[in-house]
PDB file of N, CA and C in Angstrom:
ATOM      1  N   MET A   1      -8.478 -42.618 -18.870  1.00  0.00           N
ATOM      2  CA  MET A   1      -8.385 -43.767 -19.234  1.00  0.00           C
ATOM      3  C   MET A   1      -9.960 -43.742 -20.344  1.00  0.00           C
ATOM      4  N   THR A   2     -10.205 -44.517 -21.443  1.00  0.00           N
ATOM      5  CA  THR A   2     -11.468 -44.191 -21.895  1.00  0.00           C
ATOM      6  C   THR A   2     -12.100 -45.252 -22.043  1.00  0.00           C
ATOM      7  N   ASP A   3     -13.680 -45.016 -21.812  1.00  0.00           N
ATOM      8  CA  ASP A   3     -14.390 -45.928 -22.548  1.00  0.00           C
ATOM      9  C   ASP A   3     -14.786 -46.666 -23.715  1.00  0.00           C
ATOM     10  N   ASP A   4     -14.580 -45.878 -24.636  1.00  0.00           N
ATOM     11  CA  ASP A   4     -14.358 -46.069 -26.023  1.00  0.00           C
ATOM     12  C   ASP A   4     -13.592 -46.827 -26.781  1.00  0.00           C
ATOM     13  N   PRO A   5     -14.368 -48.440 -26.708  1.00  0.00           N
ATOM     14  CA  PRO A   5     -13.504 -49.813 -27.489  1.00  0.00           C
ATOM     15  C   PRO A   5     -12.636 -49.040 -28.708  1.00  0.00           C
ATOM     16  N   ARG A   6     -13.557 -48.477 -29.341  1.00  0.00           N
ATOM     17  CA  ARG A   6     -12.835 -47.996 -30.825  1.00  0.00           C
ATOM     18  C   ARG A   6     -11.720 -47.409 -30.840  1.00  0.00           C
ATOM     19  N   ALA A   7     -11.333 -45.944 -29.705  1.00  0.00           N
ATOM     20  CA  ALA A   7     -10.634 -45.126 -29.708  1.00  0.00           C
ATOM     21  C   ALA A   7      -9.330 -45.980 -29.040  1.00  0.00           C
ATOM     22  N   ALA A   8      -9.745 -47.046 -28.116  1.00  0.00           N
ATOM     23  CA  ALA A   8      -8.256 -47.709 -27.492  1.00  0.00           C
ATOM     24  C   ALA A   8      -7.986 -48.281 -28.542  1.00  0.00           C
ATOM     25  N   LEU A   9      -8.570 -48.817 -29.520  1.00  0.00           N
ATOM     26  CA  LEU A   9      -8.095 -49.531 -30.630  1.00  0.00           C
ATOM     27  C   LEU A   9      -7.401 -48.950 -31.574  1.00  0.00           C
ATOM     28  N   ASP A  10      -8.017 -47.880 -31.792  1.00  0.00           N
ATOM     29  CA  ASP A  10      -7.242 -47.058 -32.630  1.00  0.00           C
ATOM     30  C   ASP A  10      -5.593 -46.839 -32.125  1.00  0.00           C
ATOM     31  N   ARG A  11      -5.786 -46.891 -30.783  1.00  0.00           N
ATOM     32  CA  ARG A  11      -4.485 -46.275 -30.017  1.00  0.00           C
ATOM     33  C   ARG A  11      -3.798 -47.570 -30.140  1.00  0.00           C
ATOM     34  N   LEU A  12      -4.041 -48.508 -29.999  1.00  0.00           N
ATOM     35  CA  LEU A  12      -3.311 -49.887 -29.683  1.00  0.00           C
ATOM     36  C   LEU A  12      -2.585 -50.080 -31.151  1.00  0.00           C
ATOM     37  N   LEU A  13      -3.443 -50.028 -32.210  1.00  0.00           N
ATOM     38  CA  LEU A  13      -2.581 -50.251 -33.621  1.00  0.00           C
ATOM     39  C   LEU A  13      -1.630 -49.539 -33.701  1.00  0.00           C
ATOM     40  N   ALA A  14      -1.980 -47.766 -33.482  1.00  0.00           N
ATOM     41  CA  ALA A  14      -1.325 -46.925 -33.544  1.00  0.00           C
ATOM     42  C   ALA A  14       0.377 -47.400 -32.433  1.00  0.00           C
ATOM     43  N   ALA A  15      -0.223 -47.819 -31.583  1.00  0.00           N
ATOM     44  CA  ALA A  15       1.302 -48.116 -30.784  1.00  0.00           C
ATOM     45  C   ALA A  15       1.791 -49.527 -31.471  1.00  0.00           C
ATOM     46  N   LEU A  16       1.069 -50.458 -32.211  1.00  0.00           N
ATOM     47  CA  LEU A  16       1.674 -51.285 -32.554  1.00  0.00           C
ATOM     48  C   LEU A  16       2.574 -50.969 -33.720  1.00  0.00           C
ATOM     49  N   GLU A  17       2.126 -50.120 -34.563  1.00  0.00           N
ATOM     50  CA  GLU A  17       2.574 -49.867 -35.764  1.00  0.00           C
ATOM     51  C   GLU A  17       3.971 -49.178 -35.307  1.00  0.00           C
ATOM     52  N   ALA A  18       4.089 -47.903 -34.046  1.00  0.00           N
ATOM     53  CA  ALA A  18       5.016 -47.413 -33.170  1.00  0.00           C
ATOM     54  C   ALA A  18       6.141 -48.477 -32.949  1.00  0.00           C
ATOM     55  N   HIS A  19       6.037 -49.387 -32.169  1.00  0.00           N
ATOM     56  CA  HIS A  19       6.556 -50.872 -31.604  1.00  0.00           C
ATOM     57  C   HIS A  19       7.252 -51.091 -33.078  1.00  0.00           C
ATOM     58  N   PHE A  20       6.694 -51.185 -34.165  1.00  0.00           N
ATOM     59  CA  PHE A  20       7.186 -52.041 -35.110  1.00  0.00           C
ATOM     60  C   PHE A  20       8.264 -51.107 -35.578  1.00  0.00           C
ATOM     61  N   HIS A  21       7.971 -50.281 -36.056  1.00  0.00           N
ATOM     62  CA  HIS A  21       8.607 -48.243 -36.751  1.00  0.00           C
ATOM     63  C   HIS A  21      10.490 -48.884 -35.442  1.00  0.00           C
ATOM     64  N   ALA A  22       9.640 -48.709 -34.272  1.00  0.00           N
ATOM     65  CA  ALA A  22      11.490 -48.439 -33.226  1.00  0.00           C
ATOM     66  C   ALA A  22      11.765 -50.087 -33.279  1.00  0.00           C
ATOM     67  N   VAL A  23      11.583 -50.883 -33.360  1.00  0.00           N
ATOM     68  CA  VAL A  23      11.992 -52.143 -33.654  1.00  0.00           C
ATOM     69  C   VAL A  23      12.807 -52.347 -34.981  1.00  0.00           C
ATOM     70  N   SER A  24      12.288 -52.188 -35.879  1.00  0.00           N
ATOM     71  CA  SER A  24      13.471 -52.252 -37.316  1.00  0.00           C
ATOM     72  C   SER A  24      13.724 -51.051 -37.827  1.00  0.00           C
ATOM     73  N   THR A  25      14.235 -50.568 -37.021  1.00  0.00           N
ATOM     74  CA  THR A  25      14.760 -49.109 -37.116  1.00  0.00           C
ATOM     75  C   THR A  25      15.692 -49.206 -35.401  1.00  0.00           C
ATOM     76  N   ARG A  26      15.839 -50.393 -35.242  1.00  0.00           N
ATOM     77  CA  ARG A  26      16.746 -50.022 -33.975  1.00  0.00           C
ATOM     78  C   ARG A  26      17.946 -49.760 -33.995  1.00  0.00           C
ATOM     79  N   ARG A  27      18.508 -49.087 -33.231  1.00  0.00           N
ATOM     80  CA  ARG A  27      20.275 -48.479 -33.178  1.00  0.00           C
ATOM     81  C   ARG A  27      21.226 -48.865 -31.844  1.00  0.00           C
ATOM     82  N   GLY A  28      20.881 -50.377 -31.837  1.00  0.00           N
ATOM     83  CA  GLY A  28      21.571 -50.927 -30.802  1.00  0.00           C
ATOM     84  C   GLY A  28      20.798 -52.033 -29.798  1.00  0.00           C
ATOM     85  N   ASP A  29      21.203 -52.599 -28.860  1.00  0.00           N
ATOM     86  CA  ASP A  29      20.590 -53.515 -28.337  1.00  0.00           C
ATOM     87  C   ASP A  29      19.869 -52.999 -27.244  1.00  0.00           C
ATOM     88  N   ASP A  30      20.673 -51.847 -26.980  1.00  0.00           N
ATOM     89  CA  ASP A  30      19.897 -51.222 -25.560  1.00  0.00           C
ATOM     90  C   ASP A  30      19.376 -49.249 -26.053  1.00  0.00           C
ATOM     91  N   ASP A  31      18.720 -49.699 -27.242  1.00  0.00           N
ATOM     92  CA  ASP A  31      17.490 -48.630 -27.974  1.00  0.00           C
ATOM     93  C   ASP A  31      16.572 -48.363 -27.064  1.00  0.00           C
ATOM     94  N   PRO A  32      16.748 -47.148 -26.347  1.00  0.00           N
ATOM     95  CA  PRO A  32      15.626 -46.650 -25.454  1.00  0.00           C
ATOM     96  C   PRO A  32      14.413 -46.509 -26.313  1.00  0.00           C
ATOM     97  N   VAL A  33      14.484 -46.153 -27.613  1.00  0.00           N
ATOM     98  CA  VAL A  33      12.955 -45.517 -28.461  1.00  0.00           C
ATOM     99  C   VAL A  33      12.446 -47.066 -28.183  1.00  0.00           C
ATOM    100  N   VAL A  34      12.829 -48.484 -28.729  1.00  0.00           N
ATOM    101  CA  VAL A  34      12.280 -49.609 -28.393  1.00  0.00           C
ATOM    102  C   VAL A  34      11.948 -49.653 -26.862  1.00  0.00           C
ATOM    103  N   ASP A  35      12.484 -49.663 -26.199  1.00  0.00           N
ATOM    104  CA  ASP A  35      11.682 -49.632 -24.687  1.00  0.00           C
ATOM    105  C   ASP A  35      10.933 -48.679 -24.485  1.00  0.00           C
ATOM    106  N   ASP A  36      11.040 -47.784 -24.930  1.00  0.00           N
ATOM    107  CA  ASP A  36      10.031 -46.969 -24.769  1.00  0.00           C
ATOM    108  C   ASP A  36       8.647 -47.377 -25.512  1.00  0.00           C
ATOM    109  N   ALA A  37       8.359 -47.294 -26.712  1.00  0.00           N
ATOM    110  CA  ALA A  37       7.251 -48.168 -27.765  1.00  0.00           C
ATOM    111  C   ALA A  37       6.718 -49.337 -27.194  1.00  0.00           C
ATOM    112  N   TYR A  38       8.129 -50.276 -26.368  1.00  0.00           N
ATOM    113  CA  TYR A  38       7.168 -51.110 -25.676  1.00  0.00           C
ATOM    114  C   TYR A  38       6.447 -50.757 -24.715  1.00  0.00           C
ATOM    115  N   ASP A  39       6.809 -49.850 -23.743  1.00  0.00           N
ATOM    116  CA  ASP A  39       5.684 -49.424 -22.567  1.00  0.00           C
ATOM    117  C   ASP A  39       4.508 -48.923 -23.292  1.00  0.00           C
ATOM    118  N   VAL A  40       4.791 -47.857 -24.327  1.00  0.00           N
ATOM    119  CA  VAL A  40       3.687 -47.315 -24.821  1.00  0.00           C
ATOM    120  C   VAL A  40       2.703 -48.603 -25.274  1.00  0.00           C
ATOM    121  N   LEU A  41       3.032 -49.375 -25.949  1.00  0.00           N
ATOM    122  CA  LEU A  41       2.363 -50.761 -26.643  1.00  0.00           C
ATOM    123  C   LEU A  41       1.704 -51.065 -25.551  1.00  0.00           C
ATOM    124  N   ALA A  42       2.339 -51.772 -24.372  1.00  0.00           N
ATOM    125  CA  ALA A  42       2.043 -52.518 -23.351  1.00  0.00           C
ATOM    126  C   ALA A  42       0.738 -51.832 -22.529  1.00  0.00           C
ATOM    127  N   ASP A  43       0.899 -50.498 -22.163  1.00  0.00           N
ATOM    128  CA  ASP A  43      -0.032 -49.792 -22.059  1.00  0.00           C
ATOM    129  C   ASP A  43      -1.013 -49.264 -22.710  1.00  0.00           C
ATOM    130  N   ALA A  44      -1.015 -49.255 -24.077  1.00  0.00           N
ATOM    131  CA  ALA A  44      -2.615 -49.558 -25.143  1.00  0.00           C
ATOM    132  C   ALA A  44      -3.052 -50.301 -24.924  1.00  0.00           C
ATOM    133  N   PHE A  45      -2.445 -51.721 -24.956  1.00  0.00           N
ATOM    134  CA  PHE A  45      -3.061 -53.023 -24.743  1.00  0.00           C
ATOM    135  C   PHE A  45      -4.156 -53.068 -23.661  1.00  0.00           C
ATOM    136  N   GLU A  46      -3.568 -52.938 -22.590  1.00  0.00           N
ATOM    137  CA  GLU A  46      -4.375 -52.726 -21.167  1.00  0.00           C
ATOM    138  C   GLU A  46      -5.767 -51.957 -21.245  1.00  0.00           C
ATOM    139  N   VAL A  47      -5.647 -50.738 -22.227  1.00  0.00           N
ATOM    140  CA  VAL A  47      -6.230 -49.570 -21.937  1.00  0.00           C
ATOM    141  C   VAL A  47      -7.431 -50.129 -22.898  1.00  0.00           C
ATOM    142  N   TYR A  48      -7.469 -50.919 -24.174  1.00  0.00           N
ATOM    143  CA  TYR A  48      -8.095 -51.593 -24.949  1.00  0.00           C
ATOM    144  C   TYR A  48      -8.883 -52.950 -24.223  1.00  0.00           C
ATOM    145  N   ASP A  49      -8.182 -53.764 -23.523  1.00  0.00           N
ATOM    146  CA  ASP A  49      -8.555 -54.720 -22.867  1.00  0.00           C
ATOM    147  C   ASP A  49      -9.283 -54.637 -22.167  1.00  0.00           C
ATOM    148  N   ASN A  50      -9.195 -53.878 -20.818  1.00  0.00           N
ATOM    149  CA  ASN A  50     -10.505 -52.666 -20.224  1.00  0.00           C
ATOM    150  C   ASN A  50     -11.632 -52.308 -20.601  1.00  0.00           C
ATOM    151  N   ALA A  51     -10.764 -51.908 -21.684  1.00  0.00           N
ATOM    152  CA  ALA A  51     -12.736 -51.091 -22.365  1.00  0.00           C
ATOM    153  C   ALA A  51     -13.383 -51.866 -23.194  1.00  0.00           C
ATOM    154  N   LEU A  52     -12.620 -52.995 -23.567  1.00  0.00           N
ATOM    155  CA  LEU A  52     -13.460 -54.333 -23.862  1.00  0.00           C
ATOM    156  C   LEU A  52     -14.396 -54.837 -22.777  1.00  0.00           C
ATOM    157  N   LEU A  53     -13.830 -55.003 -22.004  1.00  0.00           N
ATOM    158  CA  LEU A  53     -14.285 -55.719 -20.554  1.00  0.00           C
ATOM    159  C   LEU A  53     -15.319 -54.988 -20.268  1.00  0.00           C
ATOM    160  N   ARG A  54     -15.257 -53.786 -19.824  1.00  0.00           N
ATOM    161  CA  ARG A  54     -16.201 -52.705 -19.499  1.00  0.00           C
ATOM    162  C   ARG A  54     -17.660 -52.399 -20.425  1.00  0.00           C
ATOM    163  N   VAL A  55     -17.473 -52.214 -21.659  1.00  0.00           N
ATOM    164  CA  VAL A  55     -18.343 -52.068 -22.659  1.00  0.00           C
ATOM    165  C   VAL A  55     -19.188 -53.403 -22.956  1.00  0.00           C
ATOM    166  N   HIS A  56     -18.411 -54.200 -23.534  1.00  0.00           N
ATOM    167  CA  HIS A  56     -18.627 -55.243 -24.346  1.00  0.00           C
ATOM    168  C   HIS A  56     -18.187 -56.880 -23.232  1.00  0.00           C
ATOM    169  N   GLY A  57     -17.976 -56.474 -21.909  1.00  0.00           N
ATOM    170  CA  GLY A  57     -18.085 -57.890 -20.888  1.00  0.00           C
ATOM    171  C   GLY A  57     -17.394 -58.883 -21.546  1.00  0.00           C
ATOM    172  N   GLU A  58     -16.285 -58.738 -22.803  1.00  0.00           N
ATOM    173  CA  GLU A  58     -15.218 -59.237 -23.343  1.00  0.00           C
ATOM    174  C   GLU A  58     -14.007 -59.374 -22.924  1.00  0.00           C
ATOM    175  N   THR A  59     -12.931 -60.089 -22.849  1.00  0.00           N
ATOM    176  CA  THR A  59     -11.347 -59.853 -22.594  1.00  0.00           C
ATOM    177  C   THR A  59     -10.807 -60.352 -24.058  1.00  0.00           C
ATOM    178  N   LEU A  60      -9.502 -60.002 -23.896  1.00  0.00           N
ATOM    179  CA  LEU A  60      -8.881 -60.725 -25.338  1.00  0.00           C
ATOM    180  C   LEU A  60      -7.967 -62.142 -24.720  1.00  0.00           C
ATOM    181  N   PRO A  61      -7.614 -62.747 -25.571  1.00  0.00           N
ATOM    182  CA  PRO A  61      -7.714 -64.201 -25.119  1.00  0.00           C
ATOM    183  C   PRO A  61      -5.795 -64.420 -24.794  1.00  0.00           C
ATOM    184  N   PHE A  62      -5.174 -63.316 -24.414  1.00  0.00           N
ATOM    185  CA  PHE A  62      -3.931 -62.919 -23.951  1.00  0.00           C
ATOM    186  C   PHE A  62      -3.866 -62.023 -22.659  1.00  0.00           C
ATOM    187  N   TYR A  63      -2.835 -62.279 -22.347  1.00  0.00           N
ATOM    188  CA  TYR A  63      -2.635 -61.121 -21.433  1.00  0.00           C
ATOM    189  C   TYR A  63      -1.156 -60.532 -21.217  1.00  0.00           C
ATOM    190  N   LEU A  64      -0.367 -59.571 -20.824  1.00  0.00           N
ATOM    191  CA  LEU A  64       0.839 -59.199 -20.493  1.00  0.00           C
ATOM    192  C   LEU A  64       1.246 -60.054 -19.084  1.00  0.00           C
ATOM    193  N   ALA A  65       2.247 -60.313 -19.219  1.00  0.00           N
ATOM    194  CA  ALA A  65       3.081 -61.060 -18.161  1.00  0.00           C
ATOM    195  C   ALA A  65       3.670 -59.581 -17.423  1.00  0.00           C
ATOM    196  N   ASP A  66       3.672 -60.035 -16.063  1.00  0.00           N
ATOM    197  CA  ASP A  66       3.829 -58.745 -15.106  1.00  0.00           C
ATOM    198  C   ASP A  66       5.374 -59.008 -14.867  1.00  0.00           C
ATOM    199  N   ASP A  67       5.879 -57.825 -14.857  1.00  0.00           N
ATOM    200  CA  ASP A  67       7.710 -57.518 -14.758  1.00  0.00           C
ATOM    201  C   ASP A  67       8.367 -58.182 -13.563  1.00  0.00           C
ATOM    202  N   GLU A  68       7.627 -58.273 -12.765  1.00  0.00           N
ATOM    203  CA  GLU A  68       8.206 -58.851 -11.327  1.00  0.00           C
ATOM    204  C   GLU A  68       8.196 -60.288 -11.868  1.00  0.00           C
ATOM    205  N   ALA A  69       7.372 -61.264 -12.073  1.00  0.00           N
ATOM    206  CA  ALA A  69       6.887 -62.381 -12.480  1.00  0.00           C
ATOM    207  C   ALA A  69       8.112 -62.657 -13.967  1.00  0.00           C
ATOM    208  N   ASP A  70       8.351 -61.906 -14.860  1.00  0.00           N
ATOM    209  CA  ASP A  70       9.862 -61.569 -15.460  1.00  0.00           C
ATOM    210  C   ASP A  70      11.213 -61.746 -14.669  1.00  0.00           C
ATOM    211  N   ASP A  71      10.807 -61.159 -13.744  1.00  0.00           N
ATOM    212  CA  ASP A  71      12.245 -61.019 -12.628  1.00  0.00           C
ATOM    213  C   ASP A  71      12.501 -62.444 -12.522  1.00  0.00           C
ATOM    214  N   ASP A  72      11.809 -63.350 -11.498  1.00  0.00           N
ATOM    215  CA  ASP A  72      11.245 -64.279 -10.932  1.00  0.00           C
ATOM    216  C   ASP A  72      11.406 -65.622 -11.980  1.00  0.00           C
ATOM    217  N   ASP A  73      10.711 -65.413 -13.255  1.00  0.00           N
ATOM    218  CA  ASP A  73      11.467 -66.392 -14.384  1.00  0.00           C
ATOM    219  C   ASP A  73      12.795 -66.736 -14.812  1.00  0.00           C
ATOM    220  N   ALA A  74      13.784 -65.138 -14.928  1.00  0.00           N
ATOM    221  CA  ALA A  74      15.235 -65.026 -15.314  1.00  0.00           C
ATOM    222  C   ALA A  74      16.314 -65.622 -14.239  1.00  0.00           C
ATOM    223  N   ASP A  75      15.583 -65.493 -12.407  1.00  0.00           N
ATOM    224  CA  ASP A  75      16.028 -65.917 -11.704  1.00  0.00           C
ATOM    225  C   ASP A  75      15.852 -67.791 -12.128  1.00  0.00           C
ATOM    226  N   ASP A  76      15.111 -68.172 -12.136  1.00  0.00           N
ATOM    227  CA  ASP A  76      14.743 -69.734 -12.508  1.00  0.00           C
ATOM    228  C   ASP A  76      15.746 -70.304 -13.846  1.00  0.00           C
ATOM    229  N   ASP A  77      15.442 -69.351 -14.253  1.00  0.00           N
ATOM    230  CA  ASP A  77      16.438 -69.865 -15.943  1.00  0.00           C
ATOM    231  C   ASP A  77      17.845 -70.028 -15.761  1.00  0.00           C
ATOM    232  N   GLU A  78      18.172 -69.006 -14.336  1.00  0.00           N
ATOM    233  CA  GLU A  78      19.877 -68.869 -14.043  1.00  0.00           C
ATOM    234  C   GLU A  78      19.999 -70.617 -13.505  1.00  0.00           C
ATOM    235  N   ALA A  79      18.703 -70.587 -12.423  1.00  0.00           N
ATOM    236  CA  ALA A  79      19.116 -72.004 -11.681  1.00  0.00           C
ATOM    237  C   ALA A  79      18.854 -73.231 -12.332  1.00  0.00           C
ATOM    238  N   ASP A  80      18.067 -73.026 -13.645  1.00  0.00           N
ATOM    239  CA  ASP A  80      17.587 -74.414 -14.019  1.00  0.00           C
ATOM    240  C   ASP A  80      18.898 -74.792 -15.609  1.00  0.00           C
ATOM    241  N   GLU A  81      19.691 -73.588 -15.209  1.00  0.00           N
ATOM    242  CA  GLU A  81      21.256 -74.000 -16.623  1.00  0.00           C
ATOM    243  C   GLU A  81      22.161 -74.711 -15.634  1.00  0.00           C
ATOM    244  N   ASP A  82      22.126 -74.070 -14.328  1.00  0.00           N
ATOM    245  CA  ASP A  82      23.248 -75.163 -13.299  1.00  0.00           C
ATOM    246  C   ASP A  82      22.394 -76.749 -13.272  1.00  0.00           C
ATOM    247  N   ASP A  83      21.128 -76.554 -13.278  1.00  0.00           N
ATOM    248  CA  ASP A  83      20.326 -78.542 -13.539  1.00  0.00           C
ATOM    249  C   ASP A  83      20.568 -78.908 -14.245  1.00  0.00           C
ATOM    250  N   ASP A  84      20.821 -78.174 -15.817  1.00  0.00           N
ATOM    251  CA  ASP A  84      21.061 -78.798 -16.927  1.00  0.00           C
ATOM    252  C   ASP A  84      22.176 -79.600 -16.808  1.00  0.00           C
ATOM    253  N   GLU A  85      23.407 -79.358 -16.060  1.00  0.00           N
ATOM    254  CA  GLU A  85      24.355 -80.609 -16.166  1.00  0.00           C
ATOM    255  C   GLU A  85      24.163 -81.669 -15.470  1.00  0.00           C
ATOM    256  N   VAL A  86      24.158 -82.754 -16.024  1.00  0.00           N
ATOM    257  CA  VAL A  86      23.836 -84.051 -15.457  1.00  0.00           C
ATOM    258  C   VAL A  86      24.998 -84.964 -15.220  1.00  0.00           C
ATOM    259  N   ASP A  87      24.958 -85.351 -13.953  1.00  0.00           N
ATOM    260  CA  ASP A  87      26.236 -86.453 -13.741  1.00  0.00           C
ATOM    261  C   ASP A  87      25.839 -88.271 -14.247  1.00  0.00           C
ATOM    262  N   GLU A  88      26.893 -88.499 -14.679  1.00  0.00           N
ATOM    263  CA  GLU A  88      26.601 -89.750 -15.479  1.00  0.00           C
ATOM    264  C   GLU A  88      26.154 -90.789 -14.719  1.00  0.00           C
ATOM    265  N   ASP A  89      26.673 -90.642 -12.740  1.00  0.00           N
ATOM    266  CA  ASP A  89      26.570 -91.683 -12.246  1.00  0.00           C
ATOM    267  C   ASP A  89      24.847 -91.325 -11.777  1.00  0.00           C
ATOM    268  N   ASP A  90      24.438 -89.868 -11.733  1.00  0.00           N
ATOM    269  CA  ASP A  90      23.505 -89.978 -11.219  1.00  0.00           C
ATOM    270  C   ASP A  90      22.344 -90.341 -12.390  1.00  0.00           C
ATOM    271  N   LEU A  91      22.632 -90.814 -13.540  1.00  0.00           N
ATOM    272  CA  LEU A  91      21.700 -90.886 -14.563  1.00  0.00           C
ATOM    273  C   LEU A  91      21.756 -92.651 -14.225  1.00  0.00           C
ATOM    274  N   ASP A  92      22.992 -93.292 -14.211  1.00  0.00           N
ATOM    275  CA  ASP A  92      22.939 -94.756 -13.826  1.00  0.00           C
ATOM    276  C   ASP A  92      22.124 -95.147 -13.109  1.00  0.00           C
ATOM    277  N   ASP A  93      22.447 -94.105 -11.732  1.00  0.00           N
ATOM    278  CA  ASP A  93      20.976 -94.768 -10.409  1.00  0.00           C
ATOM    279  C   ASP A  93      20.155 -94.555 -10.706  1.00  0.00           C
ATOM    280  N   LEU A  94      19.939 -93.742 -11.736  1.00  0.00           N
ATOM    281  CA  LEU A  94      18.256 -93.017 -12.027  1.00  0.00           C
ATOM    282  C   LEU A  94      17.509 -94.630 -12.448  1.00  0.00           C
ATOM    283  N   GLU A  95      18.652 -94.846 -13.848  1.00  0.00           N
ATOM    284  CA  GLU A  95      18.218 -96.122 -14.531  1.00  0.00           C
ATOM    285  C   GLU A  95      18.093 -97.455 -13.973  1.00  0.00           C
ATOM    286  N   ASP A  96      18.854 -97.436 -12.771  1.00  0.00           N
ATOM    287  CA  ASP A  96      18.884 -98.817 -11.846  1.00  0.00           C
ATOM    288  C   ASP A  96      17.786 -98.861 -11.112  1.00  0.00           C
ATOM    289  N   ASP A  97      16.922 -97.538 -10.620  1.00  0.00           N
ATOM    290  CA  ASP A  97      15.729 -97.565  -9.996  1.00  0.00           C
ATOM    291  C   ASP A  97      14.942 -97.793 -10.733  1.00  0.00           C
ATOM    292  N   LEU A  98      14.723 -97.166 -11.561  1.00  0.00           N
ATOM    293  CA  LEU A  98      13.603 -97.441 -13.119  1.00  0.00           C
ATOM    294  C   LEU A  98      13.666 -98.828 -13.864  1.00  0.00           C
ATOM    295  N   LEU A  99      14.977 -99.086 -13.539  1.00  0.00           N
ATOM    296  CA  LEU A  99      14.653-100.737 -14.144  1.00  0.00           C
ATOM    297  C   LEU A  99      14.403-101.650 -13.296  1.00  0.00           C
ATOM    298  N   ASP A 100      14.456-101.473 -11.742  1.00  0.00           N
ATOM    299  CA  ASP A 100      13.901-102.476 -10.325  1.00  0.00           C
ATOM    300  C   ASP A 100      12.643-101.951 -10.167  1.00  0.00           C
ATOM    301  N   GLY A 101      12.073-101.273 -10.560  1.00  0.00           N
ATOM    302  CA  GLY A 101      11.060-100.605 -10.453  1.00  0.00           C
ATOM    303  C   GLY A 101      10.767-100.107  -8.947  1.00  0.00           C
ATOM    304  N   THR A 102      12.002 -99.424  -8.754  1.00  0.00           N
ATOM    305  CA  THR A 102      12.017 -98.962  -6.932  1.00  0.00           C
ATOM    306  C   THR A 102      11.111 -97.229  -7.507  1.00  0.00           C
ATOM    307  N   GLU A 103      10.293 -96.775  -7.056  1.00  0.00           N
ATOM    308  CA  GLU A 103       9.668 -95.780  -6.702  1.00  0.00           C
ATOM    309  C   GLU A 103      10.482 -94.755  -6.217  1.00  0.00           C
ATOM    310  N   LEU A 104      10.341 -93.521  -7.357  1.00  0.00           N
ATOM    311  CA  LEU A 104      11.465 -92.644  -6.740  1.00  0.00           C
ATOM    312  C   LEU A 104      10.493 -91.921  -5.990  1.00  0.00           C
ATOM    313  N   ASP A 105      10.980 -90.677  -4.762  1.00  0.00           N
ATOM    314  CA  ASP A 105      10.559 -89.678  -4.065  1.00  0.00           C
ATOM    315  C   ASP A 105      11.338 -88.461  -4.850  1.00  0.00           C
ATOM    316  N   GLY A 106      10.529 -87.632  -4.582  1.00  0.00           N
ATOM    317  CA  GLY A 106      11.680 -85.763  -4.695  1.00  0.00           C
ATOM    318  C   GLY A 106      12.822 -86.171  -5.019  1.00  0.00           C
ATOM    319  N   ALA A 107      13.455 -86.334  -3.813  1.00  0.00           N
ATOM    320  CA  ALA A 107      15.161 -86.371  -3.429  1.00  0.00           C
ATOM    321  C   ALA A 107      15.732 -87.275  -4.662  1.00  0.00           C
ATOM    322  N   ASP A 108      15.169 -88.292  -5.046  1.00  0.00           N
ATOM    323  CA  ASP A 108      15.812 -89.086  -6.187  1.00  0.00           C
ATOM    324  C   ASP A 108      16.091 -88.242  -7.714  1.00  0.00           C
ATOM    325  N   ARG A 109      15.216 -87.298  -8.000  1.00  0.00           N
ATOM    326  CA  ARG A 109      15.129 -86.729  -9.043  1.00  0.00           C
ATOM    327  C   ARG A 109      15.948 -85.694  -9.374  1.00  0.00           C
TER     328      ARG A 109
END
């Protein structure tokens, strides 16, 4: 790992170019070249961010999401899709409660 932010920046820029090239010349939905370019880009980003922090005490204004967090989010999205179906009776009950001024607890939502 380098402590030279300029070298890390050059590597990040090259990784961005390589990623763009891989995406723009993709050969299907599961092109391994795109996946590899993604991984190289993510690594270059982290190296640059760490070099900036060590040398200049600064960080970038964004971060990479953890892969594990992405997996959890995918599970949450699937659960949310099931919740998207709304029962008309539930809507009527909710509307009645709101019109009556009834406070809702977490179970009624």
